[in-house]
Amino acid sequence: MAKTQPIIERHDARMTLNYPRWSIAIDSGQGCVLVDADGKEYLDLFSGFGAGILGHCHPDLVAAGTKQMNKLWHVGNLLHTEPQTLLAEQVARKGFGGRSFFSHSGADANEAAVKLARLYGKANPGVSANDWGRYKIISATLSFHGRSFATMGATGNEAVRQGFEPLLPGFVNVEYNSIPAIEAELDETAVAIIVEPIQGEGGVNVPEDNYLPRLRKLCDERDMLLICDEVWTGCGRTGKWFGYQHWGVEPDIMTLGKAVGCGLPLGVMCANERAAAFFDVTKMGRVTHATTLGGNCVTTAVAARMFEVLEHDGLVERAAKLGQTIATRLMKAAKKSPAIRQVRGRGLFLGIELDPAQSDGAFENGRQVVDRCLEQGVMLNVVQGNVIRLAPPLIVTDEQIDRGLDVLIDAIGK
């Protein structure tokens, strides 16, 4: 007897219907393979919007989580724990040093970054004559930083904001990959620039080589903070530990989500000393930001182990090499099919931009291509209408990638 439809009906009867879900009910997962309630297998090449960096039920993560669950779950934020310490050390070593604040998600991490930037701007007002000091945060069009009231303002996507006006003041979105557009907003109220090293929801957009270095220079010249939103690009996905490392710069603040929790609810905001000082209760004389459940023992134990596995197994370096192999094959396919307009990205975070007008009637939009792949048991994602996103777990095998690309290229060509 089929189990999927009854689960969907019960689910839809009691859940808010936020998402355009597929008619699939997943029952279990192992590695890069998901199994639905009726036993059909799917090759997962999108890893739960990038969260499953080590796939499903990775034995090392299961062991770390189980061990910690049998020992200690949660103690609040007035006590020290080793799992938090281990994770903060990993983030510092793999990144630019800095101090970590743990939250529940990438949006929460960005919210913390925004609050920290405002505290910095009030304490360092420059020539600003208003009572708020410097408070404006500049972000890019097509960006995505979250759906909370602060991060909606930073997100350069009108669909995310629609219906929630009036928005929190102090945010401005300018053309992505344009230094002149940034410079035009550098007035006496500007305190920070927030940027994704590679845009995720915008369509896996990679900036020009001088973009991040120029942003760093502008921030240095004006005593502003550079915030790198690494929610999509962090934890080795792009072939570097963090995306900003491709351009040889260091942010003042970076934020993590998705992969850092390996599917568990976890966000990280890591700040350098000059910025982190404004969350320091001993210096500020009060608690300026807090959360009750952020960084609980189980999620941080799993996250710390994730970094160890990535390093021990050489998965960051492998992501870089495998990404090149995938891009080469897709670009070879593009020579045969004008429907593939562009292949872009880094490591195992790739976007394949399609041109339906050049498909000879094979498809009308990217969603049709994704649906065809799904019928063949391969899970991908489409964004911005016609950009197929490929973001598999870093443990994906060469054989699984070959199979997935076979299905994708065939779906484009139908």
Foldseek 3Di string as FASTA:
>chain_A
DDDQVVVVVVCVVPDDCPDPDDSFAWDFWDFQWTATPVGDIFREQCLVVQQQQRTGPDVLLVVLLVVCVVPFWADWDPDDDVLLVLLQVLCCVQAVRFGKDKDFFQLVLVVVVLLLLQLLQQVCLDPDPDNSRARAEEEEALAARDQDLVRVLRYNDVVSCPPVPPGDPRYDYFHPLDPVRVVVPPDSRHAEYEYECFGDLSFRHHHPLCRVVVRQVVCVVVVHFYEYEQQNAACLQQLGNGSCVVNPDHTQKYKYGRHLQSPGGMIMIGGHDVSCVSCDCVNVVDHSDDDTNTPINSSSSSSSSSSVCCVVVVLSNVLQVVVVVLQVVVVVLCVVFVQFPDWDHGRQWIKTFGDCVRQVNLDDWQVQLQVQLVVVNYHWDDHPTGIIIGRGHSPDDPVSSVVSVVSSSVSSND
